[in-house]
N, C-alpha and C. Protein backbone atom coordinates (compact mmCIF):
# COMPACT_ATOMS: atom_id res chain seq x y z
N MET A 1 49.15 42.05 22.76
CA MET A 1 48.79 41.05 21.82
C MET A 1 49.43 39.77 22.22
N ILE A 2 48.90 38.72 21.60
CA ILE A 2 49.37 37.36 21.91
C ILE A 2 50.55 37.01 21.03
N LYS A 3 51.49 36.32 21.66
CA LYS A 3 52.69 35.87 20.91
C LYS A 3 52.34 34.64 20.13
N ARG A 4 52.80 34.56 18.89
CA ARG A 4 52.54 33.38 18.08
C ARG A 4 53.33 32.20 18.57
N SER A 5 52.67 31.02 18.52
CA SER A 5 53.31 29.82 19.00
C SER A 5 54.39 29.40 17.96
N THR A 6 55.46 28.89 18.51
CA THR A 6 56.59 28.44 17.61
C THR A 6 56.42 26.97 17.28
N ILE A 7 55.49 26.21 17.91
CA ILE A 7 55.30 24.82 17.66
C ILE A 7 54.45 24.67 16.36
N ARG A 8 55.01 24.11 15.38
CA ARG A 8 54.21 23.90 14.12
C ARG A 8 54.09 22.40 13.84
N ARG A 9 52.87 22.11 13.50
CA ARG A 9 52.57 20.72 13.13
C ARG A 9 52.60 20.56 11.60
N GLN A 10 52.99 19.39 11.20
CA GLN A 10 52.97 19.18 9.76
C GLN A 10 51.57 19.01 9.26
N SER A 11 51.28 19.49 8.09
CA SER A 11 49.92 19.37 7.56
C SER A 11 49.72 17.92 7.11
N VAL A 12 48.43 17.54 7.17
CA VAL A 12 48.09 16.14 6.83
C VAL A 12 47.69 16.12 5.32
N ASP A 13 48.29 15.14 4.61
CA ASP A 13 47.92 15.03 3.18
C ASP A 13 46.59 14.26 3.15
N LEU A 14 45.61 15.01 2.63
CA LEU A 14 44.25 14.41 2.53
C LEU A 14 44.20 13.60 1.28
N GLN A 15 43.79 12.36 1.32
CA GLN A 15 43.57 11.52 0.21
C GLN A 15 42.13 11.44 -0.20
N PRO A 16 41.82 11.15 -1.40
CA PRO A 16 40.41 11.08 -1.83
C PRO A 16 39.75 9.93 -1.03
N ALA A 17 38.39 10.05 -0.91
CA ALA A 17 37.59 9.11 -0.19
C ALA A 17 37.69 7.77 -0.82
N PRO A 18 37.74 6.65 -0.02
CA PRO A 18 37.80 5.35 -0.54
C PRO A 18 36.54 5.05 -1.41
N ARG A 19 36.76 4.15 -2.39
CA ARG A 19 35.62 3.77 -3.19
C ARG A 19 34.66 2.90 -2.43
N GLY A 20 33.40 2.87 -2.91
CA GLY A 20 32.39 2.03 -2.25
C GLY A 20 32.66 0.62 -2.43
N SER A 21 31.90 -0.25 -1.68
CA SER A 21 32.10 -1.70 -1.72
C SER A 21 31.83 -2.25 -3.04
N ARG A 22 32.63 -3.18 -3.48
CA ARG A 22 32.47 -3.81 -4.78
C ARG A 22 32.05 -5.27 -4.67
N ILE A 23 31.44 -5.59 -3.53
CA ILE A 23 30.99 -6.95 -3.32
C ILE A 23 29.88 -7.33 -4.29
N ARG A 24 30.02 -8.43 -4.95
CA ARG A 24 28.98 -8.89 -5.87
C ARG A 24 27.99 -9.71 -5.11
N ARG A 25 26.73 -9.47 -5.31
CA ARG A 25 25.69 -10.20 -4.58
C ARG A 25 24.86 -11.01 -5.56
N ASP A 26 24.14 -12.00 -5.00
CA ASP A 26 23.26 -12.76 -5.85
C ASP A 26 22.09 -11.88 -6.30
N PRO A 27 21.59 -12.16 -7.48
CA PRO A 27 20.44 -11.38 -7.95
C PRO A 27 19.25 -11.59 -7.05
N VAL A 28 18.37 -10.62 -7.03
CA VAL A 28 17.13 -10.70 -6.24
C VAL A 28 16.22 -11.76 -6.84
N ALA A 29 15.73 -12.63 -5.89
CA ALA A 29 14.91 -13.74 -6.30
C ALA A 29 13.54 -13.23 -6.83
N ALA A 30 13.02 -13.93 -7.77
CA ALA A 30 11.69 -13.53 -8.37
C ALA A 30 10.63 -13.78 -7.31
N ALA A 31 9.62 -12.93 -7.28
CA ALA A 31 8.56 -13.12 -6.31
C ALA A 31 7.68 -14.33 -6.67
N PRO A 32 7.28 -15.06 -5.63
CA PRO A 32 6.46 -16.24 -5.91
C PRO A 32 5.09 -15.85 -6.40
N ALA A 33 4.56 -16.69 -7.32
CA ALA A 33 3.23 -16.44 -7.91
C ALA A 33 2.15 -16.39 -6.82
N ARG A 34 1.34 -15.40 -6.92
CA ARG A 34 0.26 -15.19 -5.91
C ARG A 34 -1.00 -16.03 -6.33
N LYS A 35 -1.70 -16.50 -5.34
CA LYS A 35 -2.94 -17.23 -5.57
C LYS A 35 -3.98 -16.18 -5.90
N LYS A 36 -4.87 -16.50 -6.80
CA LYS A 36 -5.96 -15.61 -7.16
C LYS A 36 -7.03 -15.67 -6.10
N VAL A 37 -7.40 -14.52 -5.52
CA VAL A 37 -8.39 -14.48 -4.51
C VAL A 37 -9.77 -14.36 -5.13
N GLN A 38 -10.63 -15.30 -4.68
CA GLN A 38 -11.99 -15.31 -5.23
C GLN A 38 -13.00 -14.76 -4.23
N PRO A 39 -13.71 -13.75 -4.57
CA PRO A 39 -14.70 -13.26 -3.59
C PRO A 39 -15.92 -14.22 -3.45
N TYR A 40 -16.59 -14.01 -2.37
CA TYR A 40 -17.84 -14.82 -2.19
C TYR A 40 -18.76 -14.50 -3.37
N PRO A 41 -19.56 -15.48 -3.77
CA PRO A 41 -20.54 -15.16 -4.82
C PRO A 41 -21.55 -14.13 -4.28
N SER A 42 -21.91 -13.20 -5.04
CA SER A 42 -22.86 -12.13 -4.59
C SER A 42 -24.22 -12.73 -4.17
N GLU A 43 -24.62 -13.86 -4.76
CA GLU A 43 -25.92 -14.43 -4.38
C GLU A 43 -25.85 -14.90 -2.95
N ARG A 44 -24.75 -15.50 -2.54
CA ARG A 44 -24.61 -15.94 -1.15
C ARG A 44 -24.67 -14.79 -0.16
N GLU A 45 -24.07 -13.67 -0.52
CA GLU A 45 -24.14 -12.50 0.33
C GLU A 45 -25.54 -11.98 0.47
N VAL A 46 -26.23 -11.99 -0.67
CA VAL A 46 -27.65 -11.49 -0.63
C VAL A 46 -28.49 -12.39 0.25
N TRP A 47 -28.38 -13.66 0.14
CA TRP A 47 -29.12 -14.60 1.00
C TRP A 47 -28.80 -14.45 2.44
N THR A 48 -27.54 -14.24 2.74
CA THR A 48 -27.18 -14.01 4.13
C THR A 48 -27.77 -12.79 4.74
N VAL A 49 -27.77 -11.74 3.92
CA VAL A 49 -28.36 -10.44 4.43
C VAL A 49 -29.91 -10.63 4.61
N VAL A 50 -30.55 -11.25 3.69
CA VAL A 50 -32.01 -11.44 3.73
C VAL A 50 -32.36 -12.31 4.97
N ILE A 51 -31.65 -13.39 5.20
CA ILE A 51 -31.92 -14.20 6.37
C ILE A 51 -31.65 -13.46 7.64
N GLY A 52 -30.57 -12.67 7.69
CA GLY A 52 -30.31 -11.90 8.89
C GLY A 52 -31.37 -10.85 9.21
N VAL A 53 -31.86 -10.19 8.20
CA VAL A 53 -32.92 -9.14 8.40
C VAL A 53 -34.19 -9.82 8.85
N ILE A 54 -34.55 -10.98 8.26
CA ILE A 54 -35.71 -11.65 8.64
C ILE A 54 -35.71 -12.14 10.11
N LEU A 55 -34.50 -12.68 10.51
CA LEU A 55 -34.35 -13.18 11.88
C LEU A 55 -34.40 -12.01 12.89
N PHE A 56 -33.87 -10.92 12.51
CA PHE A 56 -33.82 -9.73 13.40
C PHE A 56 -35.27 -9.21 13.54
N ALA A 57 -35.99 -9.13 12.45
CA ALA A 57 -37.43 -8.65 12.47
C ALA A 57 -38.27 -9.59 13.32
N LEU A 58 -38.06 -10.92 13.18
CA LEU A 58 -38.82 -11.88 13.95
C LEU A 58 -38.48 -11.76 15.42
N ALA A 59 -37.22 -11.55 15.78
CA ALA A 59 -36.87 -11.44 17.18
C ALA A 59 -37.50 -10.18 17.78
N VAL A 60 -37.45 -9.03 17.08
CA VAL A 60 -38.00 -7.85 17.56
C VAL A 60 -39.55 -7.96 17.73
N SER A 61 -40.21 -8.59 16.76
CA SER A 61 -41.66 -8.75 16.89
C SER A 61 -42.04 -9.66 18.01
N ILE A 62 -41.21 -10.72 18.31
CA ILE A 62 -41.55 -11.58 19.46
C ILE A 62 -41.34 -10.83 20.78
N ILE A 63 -40.31 -9.99 20.84
CA ILE A 63 -40.10 -9.15 22.07
C ILE A 63 -41.25 -8.22 22.25
N ILE A 64 -41.71 -7.63 21.17
CA ILE A 64 -42.81 -6.66 21.35
C ILE A 64 -44.07 -7.37 21.77
N VAL A 65 -44.37 -8.51 21.20
CA VAL A 65 -45.59 -9.30 21.61
C VAL A 65 -45.42 -9.70 23.09
N ALA A 66 -44.26 -10.18 23.47
CA ALA A 66 -44.06 -10.63 24.86
C ALA A 66 -44.23 -9.44 25.84
N VAL A 67 -43.65 -8.27 25.58
CA VAL A 67 -43.74 -7.14 26.47
C VAL A 67 -45.18 -6.66 26.51
N SER A 68 -45.90 -6.69 25.37
CA SER A 68 -47.30 -6.25 25.30
C SER A 68 -48.12 -7.19 26.13
N ASP A 69 -47.90 -8.51 26.05
CA ASP A 69 -48.70 -9.48 26.80
C ASP A 69 -48.44 -9.32 28.31
N TYR A 70 -47.19 -9.07 28.66
CA TYR A 70 -46.79 -8.93 30.07
C TYR A 70 -47.41 -7.70 30.67
N THR A 71 -47.43 -6.56 29.99
CA THR A 71 -47.90 -5.32 30.51
C THR A 71 -49.44 -5.18 30.47
N SER A 72 -50.13 -6.02 29.67
CA SER A 72 -51.58 -5.90 29.55
C SER A 72 -52.27 -6.64 30.65
N LYS A 73 -51.65 -7.44 31.52
CA LYS A 73 -52.28 -8.10 32.60
C LYS A 73 -52.39 -7.36 33.81
């Protein structure tokens, strides 16, 4: 068996954990007022879509007529 060591250390007195920080801070600043976001008028969106569809249809029809004229000769 192993012989017990004769060197003894003194036990450490454990103290309670230190308290948390008690620093006083400035209060949180109030959030700035937000600007009200206004959506586009729905009438403007409708007209934009209508014009886009008409221009696309016109471009497709011009391409069809051009290809038809080129291939018929």
